[in-house]
Amino acid sequence: MHSKLRKAGIVLIVLAVLSRIAEAVFYGDVGPDGVLQESFFLPLTFILLALGLVALAASVVARGGDG
């Protein structure tokens, strides 16, 4: 079970990094009118990163329970 959690955590963190890259490439700059342009990618980055870290922490806890 913990190896599936570890893999899921790694995948979620990779998706968070890709989401951050997409935010930097497509959005995240100040427009000509002085308004910062953002998309859903920025909050998605933090959501995926948090879920990935929780999954990795859960895999560590699950591994500790295996003895």
PDB file of N, CA and C in Angstrom:
ATOM      1  N   MET A   1       0.813  -1.199   0.000  1.00  0.00           N
ATOM      2  CA  MET A   1       0.000   0.000   0.000  1.00  0.00           C
ATOM      3  C   MET A   1       0.857   1.263   0.000  1.00  0.00           C
ATOM      4  N   HIS A   2       1.945   1.267   0.792  1.00  0.00           N
ATOM      5  CA  HIS A   2       2.748   2.475   0.896  1.00  0.00           C
ATOM      6  C   HIS A   2       3.474   2.796  -0.409  1.00  0.00           C
ATOM      7  N   SER A   3       3.781   1.783  -1.226  1.00  0.00           N
ATOM      8  CA  SER A   3       4.433   2.087  -2.502  1.00  0.00           C
ATOM      9  C   SER A   3       3.454   2.787  -3.448  1.00  0.00           C
ATOM     10  N   LYS A   4       2.176   2.448  -3.383  1.00  0.00           N
ATOM     11  CA  LYS A   4       1.180   3.145  -4.201  1.00  0.00           C
ATOM     12  C   LYS A   4       1.024   4.585  -3.736  1.00  0.00           C
ATOM     13  N   LEU A   5       1.044   4.792  -2.432  1.00  0.00           N
ATOM     14  CA  LEU A   5       0.962   6.144  -1.901  1.00  0.00           C
ATOM     15  C   LEU A   5       2.185   6.958  -2.313  1.00  0.00           C
ATOM     16  N   ARG A   6       3.358   6.325  -2.261  1.00  0.00           N
ATOM     17  CA  ARG A   6       4.580   7.022  -2.644  1.00  0.00           C
ATOM     18  C   ARG A   6       4.530   7.413  -4.117  1.00  0.00           C
ATOM     19  N   LYS A   7       4.103   6.480  -4.973  1.00  0.00           N
ATOM     20  CA  LYS A   7       3.993   6.780  -6.403  1.00  0.00           C
ATOM     21  C   LYS A   7       2.980   7.882  -6.661  1.00  0.00           C
ATOM     22  N   ALA A   8       1.848   7.822  -5.967  1.00  0.00           N
ATOM     23  CA  ALA A   8       0.825   8.859  -6.127  1.00  0.00           C
ATOM     24  C   ALA A   8       1.369  10.209  -5.672  1.00  0.00           C
ATOM     25  N   GLY A   9       2.098  10.229  -4.575  1.00  0.00           N
ATOM     26  CA  GLY A   9       2.684  11.474  -4.081  1.00  0.00           C
ATOM     27  C   GLY A   9       3.676  12.069  -5.061  1.00  0.00           C
ATOM     28  N   ILE A  10       4.509  11.219  -5.639  1.00  0.00           N
ATOM     29  CA  ILE A  10       5.494  11.695  -6.613  1.00  0.00           C
ATOM     30  C   ILE A  10       4.795  12.229  -7.859  1.00  0.00           C
ATOM     31  N   VAL A  11       3.778  11.514  -8.328  1.00  0.00           N
ATOM     32  CA  VAL A  11       3.026  11.969  -9.508  1.00  0.00           C
ATOM     33  C   VAL A  11       2.363  13.314  -9.226  1.00  0.00           C
ATOM     34  N   LEU A  12       1.769  13.473  -8.054  1.00  0.00           N
ATOM     35  CA  LEU A  12       1.117  14.737  -7.710  1.00  0.00           C
ATOM     36  C   LEU A  12       2.119  15.887  -7.636  1.00  0.00           C
ATOM     37  N   ILE A  13       3.305  15.631  -7.116  1.00  0.00           N
ATOM     38  CA  ILE A  13       4.321  16.676  -7.047  1.00  0.00           C
ATOM     39  C   ILE A  13       4.816  17.036  -8.446  1.00  0.00           C
ATOM     40  N   VAL A  14       4.981  16.043  -9.310  1.00  0.00           N
ATOM     41  CA  VAL A  14       5.373  16.325 -10.693  1.00  0.00           C
ATOM     42  C   VAL A  14       4.294  17.147 -11.393  1.00  0.00           C
ATOM     43  N   LEU A  15       3.032  16.809 -11.167  1.00  0.00           N
ATOM     44  CA  LEU A  15       1.942  17.592 -11.752  1.00  0.00           C
ATOM     45  C   LEU A  15       1.928  19.022 -11.206  1.00  0.00           C
ATOM     46  N   ALA A  16       2.281  19.190  -9.940  1.00  0.00           N
ATOM     47  CA  ALA A  16       2.363  20.528  -9.357  1.00  0.00           C
ATOM     48  C   ALA A  16       3.455  21.345 -10.048  1.00  0.00           C
ATOM     49  N   VAL A  17       4.590  20.716 -10.293  1.00  0.00           N
ATOM     50  CA  VAL A  17       5.682  21.411 -10.986  1.00  0.00           C
ATOM     51  C   VAL A  17       5.264  21.783 -12.403  1.00  0.00           C
ATOM     52  N   LEU A  18       4.616  20.862 -13.094  1.00  0.00           N
ATOM     53  CA  LEU A  18       4.151  21.154 -14.453  1.00  0.00           C
ATOM     54  C   LEU A  18       3.101  22.267 -14.458  1.00  0.00           C
ATOM     55  N   SER A  19       2.251  22.286 -13.458  1.00  0.00           N
ATOM     56  CA  SER A  19       1.251  23.335 -13.349  1.00  0.00           C
ATOM     57  C   SER A  19       1.914  24.690 -13.116  1.00  0.00           C
ATOM     58  N   ARG A  20       2.936  24.705 -12.304  1.00  0.00           N
ATOM     59  CA  ARG A  20       3.677  25.961 -12.056  1.00  0.00           C
ATOM     60  C   ARG A  20       4.360  26.441 -13.328  1.00  0.00           C
ATOM     61  N   ILE A  21       4.928  25.530 -14.088  1.00  0.00           N
ATOM     62  CA  ILE A  21       5.566  25.893 -15.356  1.00  0.00           C
ATOM     63  C   ILE A  21       4.529  26.458 -16.317  1.00  0.00           C
ATOM     64  N   ALA A  22       3.364  25.821 -16.387  1.00  0.00           N
ATOM     65  CA  ALA A  22       2.298  26.310 -17.261  1.00  0.00           C
ATOM     66  C   ALA A  22       1.869  27.710 -16.839  1.00  0.00           C
ATOM     67  N   GLU A  23       1.780  27.955 -15.545  1.00  0.00           N
ATOM     68  CA  GLU A  23       1.424  29.284 -15.047  1.00  0.00           C
ATOM     69  C   GLU A  23       2.462  30.312 -15.490  1.00  0.00           C
ATOM     70  N   ALA A  24       3.739  29.959 -15.372  1.00  0.00           N
ATOM     71  CA  ALA A  24       4.798  30.899 -15.740  1.00  0.00           C
ATOM     72  C   ALA A  24       4.828  31.159 -17.241  1.00  0.00           C
ATOM     73  N   VAL A  25       4.532  30.136 -18.038  1.00  0.00           N
ATOM     74  CA  VAL A  25       4.599  30.283 -19.485  1.00  0.00           C
ATOM     75  C   VAL A  25       3.397  31.046 -20.025  1.00  0.00           C
ATOM     76  N   PHE A  26       2.200  30.704 -19.594  1.00  0.00           N
ATOM     77  CA  PHE A  26       0.995  31.255 -20.185  1.00  0.00           C
ATOM     78  C   PHE A  26       0.434  32.475 -19.455  1.00  0.00           C
ATOM     79  N   TYR A  27       0.709  32.609 -18.156  1.00  0.00           N
ATOM     80  CA  TYR A  27       0.108  33.675 -17.360  1.00  0.00           C
ATOM     81  C   TYR A  27       1.162  34.264 -16.438  1.00  0.00           C
ATOM     82  N   GLY A  28       0.723  34.979 -15.436  1.00  0.00           N
ATOM     83  CA  GLY A  28       1.620  35.430 -14.387  1.00  0.00           C
ATOM     84  C   GLY A  28       2.373  36.709 -14.699  1.00  0.00           C
ATOM     85  N   ASP A  29       2.011  37.404 -15.763  1.00  0.00           N
ATOM     86  CA  ASP A  29       2.682  38.666 -16.044  1.00  0.00           C
ATOM     87  C   ASP A  29       1.694  39.820 -15.904  1.00  0.00           C
ATOM     88  N   VAL A  30       2.244  40.995 -15.829  1.00  0.00           N
ATOM     89  CA  VAL A  30       1.407  42.183 -15.702  1.00  0.00           C
ATOM     90  C   VAL A  30       1.030  42.654 -17.099  1.00  0.00           C
ATOM     91  N   GLY A  31      -0.256  42.824 -17.318  1.00  0.00           N
ATOM     92  CA  GLY A  31      -0.752  43.258 -18.614  1.00  0.00           C
ATOM     93  C   GLY A  31      -0.474  44.733 -18.848  1.00  0.00           C
ATOM     94  N   PRO A  32      -0.757  45.207 -20.043  1.00  0.00           N
ATOM     95  CA  PRO A  32      -0.509  46.613 -20.363  1.00  0.00           C
ATOM     96  C   PRO A  32      -1.344  47.583 -19.528  1.00  0.00           C
ATOM     97  N   ASP A  33      -2.447  47.095 -18.964  1.00  0.00           N
ATOM     98  CA  ASP A  33      -3.284  47.943 -18.117  1.00  0.00           C
ATOM     99  C   ASP A  33      -2.873  47.899 -16.641  1.00  0.00           C
ATOM    100  N   GLY A  34      -1.770  47.175 -16.328  1.00  0.00           N
ATOM    101  CA  GLY A  34      -1.254  47.108 -14.961  1.00  0.00           C
ATOM    102  C   GLY A  34      -1.927  46.073 -14.089  1.00  0.00           C
ATOM    103  N   VAL A  35      -2.717  45.181 -14.672  1.00  0.00           N
ATOM    104  CA  VAL A  35      -3.409  44.144 -13.911  1.00  0.00           C
ATOM    105  C   VAL A  35      -2.635  42.835 -14.049  1.00  0.00           C
ATOM    106  N   LEU A  36      -2.417  42.179 -12.919  1.00  0.00           N
ATOM    107  CA  LEU A  36      -1.729  40.899 -12.927  1.00  0.00           C
ATOM    108  C   LEU A  36      -2.647  39.823 -13.494  1.00  0.00           C
ATOM    109  N   GLN A  37      -2.181  39.116 -14.502  1.00  0.00           N
ATOM    110  CA  GLN A  37      -2.956  38.057 -15.134  1.00  0.00           C
ATOM    111  C   GLN A  37      -2.590  36.723 -14.486  1.00  0.00           C
ATOM    112  N   GLU A  38      -3.556  36.066 -13.888  1.00  0.00           N
ATOM    113  CA  GLU A  38      -3.337  34.767 -13.278  1.00  0.00           C
ATOM    114  C   GLU A  38      -4.391  33.802 -13.777  1.00  0.00           C
ATOM    115  N   SER A  39      -4.112  32.537 -13.598  1.00  0.00           N
ATOM    116  CA  SER A  39      -5.051  31.509 -14.018  1.00  0.00           C
ATOM    117  C   SER A  39      -5.299  30.556 -12.860  1.00  0.00           C
ATOM    118  N   PHE A  40      -5.988  29.481 -13.166  1.00  0.00           N
ATOM    119  CA  PHE A  40      -6.241  28.445 -12.161  1.00  0.00           C
ATOM    120  C   PHE A  40      -4.999  27.611 -11.886  1.00  0.00           C
ATOM    121  N   PHE A  41      -3.967  27.745 -12.733  1.00  0.00           N
ATOM    122  CA  PHE A  41      -2.763  26.940 -12.550  1.00  0.00           C
ATOM    123  C   PHE A  41      -2.041  27.245 -11.241  1.00  0.00           C
ATOM    124  N   LEU A  42      -2.059  28.495 -10.809  1.00  0.00           N
ATOM    125  CA  LEU A  42      -1.343  28.839  -9.574  1.00  0.00           C
ATOM    126  C   LEU A  42      -1.956  28.163  -8.350  1.00  0.00           C
ATOM    127  N   PRO A  43      -3.266  28.290  -8.101  1.00  0.00           N
ATOM    128  CA  PRO A  43      -3.805  27.563  -6.950  1.00  0.00           C
ATOM    129  C   PRO A  43      -3.727  26.050  -7.134  1.00  0.00           C
ATOM    130  N   LEU A  44      -3.848  25.599  -8.386  1.00  0.00           N
ATOM    131  CA  LEU A  44      -3.733  24.164  -8.645  1.00  0.00           C
ATOM    132  C   LEU A  44      -2.349  23.657  -8.257  1.00  0.00           C
ATOM    133  N   THR A  45      -1.329  24.481  -8.459  1.00  0.00           N
ATOM    134  CA  THR A  45       0.033  24.114  -8.060  1.00  0.00           C
ATOM    135  C   THR A  45       0.089  23.810  -6.566  1.00  0.00           C
ATOM    136  N   PHE A  46      -0.470  24.718  -5.765  1.00  0.00           N
ATOM    137  CA  PHE A  46      -0.415  24.537  -4.317  1.00  0.00           C
ATOM    138  C   PHE A  46      -1.282  23.368  -3.850  1.00  0.00           C
ATOM    139  N   ILE A  47      -2.418  23.181  -4.485  1.00  0.00           N
ATOM    140  CA  ILE A  47      -3.293  22.058  -4.122  1.00  0.00           C
ATOM    141  C   ILE A  47      -2.604  20.726  -4.410  1.00  0.00           C
ATOM    142  N   LEU A  48      -2.037  20.603  -5.619  1.00  0.00           N
ATOM    143  CA  LEU A  48      -1.358  19.358  -5.992  1.00  0.00           C
ATOM    144  C   LEU A  48      -0.128  19.113  -5.124  1.00  0.00           C
ATOM    145  N   LEU A  49       0.607  20.174  -4.824  1.00  0.00           N
ATOM    146  CA  LEU A  49       1.788  20.032  -3.974  1.00  0.00           C
ATOM    147  C   LEU A  49       1.400  19.561  -2.572  1.00  0.00           C
ATOM    148  N   ALA A  50       0.350  20.148  -2.021  1.00  0.00           N
ATOM    149  CA  ALA A  50      -0.103  19.744  -0.683  1.00  0.00           C
ATOM    150  C   ALA A  50      -0.571  18.291  -0.679  1.00  0.00           C
ATOM    151  N   LEU A  51      -1.339  17.909  -1.686  1.00  0.00           N
ATOM    152  CA  LEU A  51      -1.796  16.511  -1.759  1.00  0.00           C
ATOM    153  C   LEU A  51      -0.626  15.546  -1.931  1.00  0.00           C
ATOM    154  N   GLY A  52       0.347  15.942  -2.730  1.00  0.00           N
ATOM    155  CA  GLY A  52       1.526  15.104  -2.925  1.00  0.00           C
ATOM    156  C   GLY A  52       2.319  14.922  -1.644  1.00  0.00           C
ATOM    157  N   LEU A  53       2.491  16.004  -0.904  1.00  0.00           N
ATOM    158  CA  LEU A  53       3.227  15.906   0.360  1.00  0.00           C
ATOM    159  C   LEU A  53       2.468  15.070   1.385  1.00  0.00           C
ATOM    160  N   VAL A  54       1.157  15.207   1.417  1.00  0.00           N
ATOM    161  CA  VAL A  54       0.348  14.388   2.328  1.00  0.00           C
ATOM    162  C   VAL A  54       0.463  12.913   1.950  1.00  0.00           C
ATOM    163  N   ALA A  55       0.421  12.607   0.661  1.00  0.00           N
ATOM    164  CA  ALA A  55       0.539  11.216   0.217  1.00  0.00           C
ATOM    165  C   ALA A  55       1.911  10.655   0.574  1.00  0.00           C
ATOM    166  N   LEU A  56       2.966  11.446   0.394  1.00  0.00           N
ATOM    167  CA  LEU A  56       4.312  10.967   0.764  1.00  0.00           C
ATOM    168  C   LEU A  56       4.419  10.763   2.280  1.00  0.00           C
ATOM    169  N   ALA A  57       3.846  11.670   3.044  1.00  0.00           N
ATOM    170  CA  ALA A  57       3.874  11.507   4.498  1.00  0.00           C
ATOM    171  C   ALA A  57       3.087  10.277   4.926  1.00  0.00           C
ATOM    172  N   ALA A  58       1.955  10.042   4.271  1.00  0.00           N
ATOM    173  CA  ALA A  58       1.159   8.859   4.589  1.00  0.00           C
ATOM    174  C   ALA A  58       1.906   7.586   4.236  1.00  0.00           C
ATOM    175  N   SER A  59       2.697   7.608   3.171  1.00  0.00           N
ATOM    176  CA  SER A  59       3.462   6.422   2.801  1.00  0.00           C
ATOM    177  C   SER A  59       4.554   6.134   3.825  1.00  0.00           C
ATOM    178  N   VAL A  60       5.123   7.203   4.391  1.00  0.00           N
ATOM    179  CA  VAL A  60       6.137   7.016   5.436  1.00  0.00           C
ATOM    180  C   VAL A  60       5.501   6.432   6.687  1.00  0.00           C
ATOM    181  N   VAL A  61       4.322   6.954   7.045  1.00  0.00           N
ATOM    182  CA  VAL A  61       3.621   6.445   8.232  1.00  0.00           C
ATOM    183  C   VAL A  61       3.197   4.985   8.021  1.00  0.00           C
ATOM    184  N   ALA A  62       2.706   4.681   6.832  1.00  0.00           N
ATOM    185  CA  ALA A  62       2.285   3.312   6.523  1.00  0.00           C
ATOM    186  C   ALA A  62       3.463   2.363   6.530  1.00  0.00           C
ATOM    187  N   ARG A  63       4.606   2.827   6.069  1.00  0.00           N
ATOM    188  CA  ARG A  63       5.803   1.975   6.057  1.00  0.00           C
ATOM    189  C   ARG A  63       6.281   1.716   7.483  1.00  0.00           C
ATOM    190  N   GLY A  64       6.164   2.731   8.340  1.00  0.00           N
ATOM    191  CA  GLY A  64       6.554   2.559   9.728  1.00  0.00           C
ATOM    192  C   GLY A  64       5.688   1.531  10.441  1.00  0.00           C
ATOM    193  N   GLY A  65       4.441   1.390  10.027  1.00  0.00           N
ATOM    194  CA  GLY A  65       3.541   0.436  10.634  1.00  0.00           C
ATOM    195  C   GLY A  65       3.791  -1.002  10.182  1.00  0.00           C
ATOM    196  N   ASP A  66       4.568  -1.180   9.082  1.00  0.00           N
ATOM    197  CA  ASP A  66       4.843  -2.533   8.594  1.00  0.00           C
ATOM    198  C   ASP A  66       5.806  -3.279   9.497  1.00  0.00           C
ATOM    199  N   GLY A  67       6.612  -2.537  10.245  1.00  0.00           N
ATOM    200  CA  GLY A  67       7.520  -3.164  11.196  1.00  0.00           C
ATOM    201  C   GLY A  67       8.699  -3.644  10.549  1.00  0.00           C
TER     202      GLY A  67
END
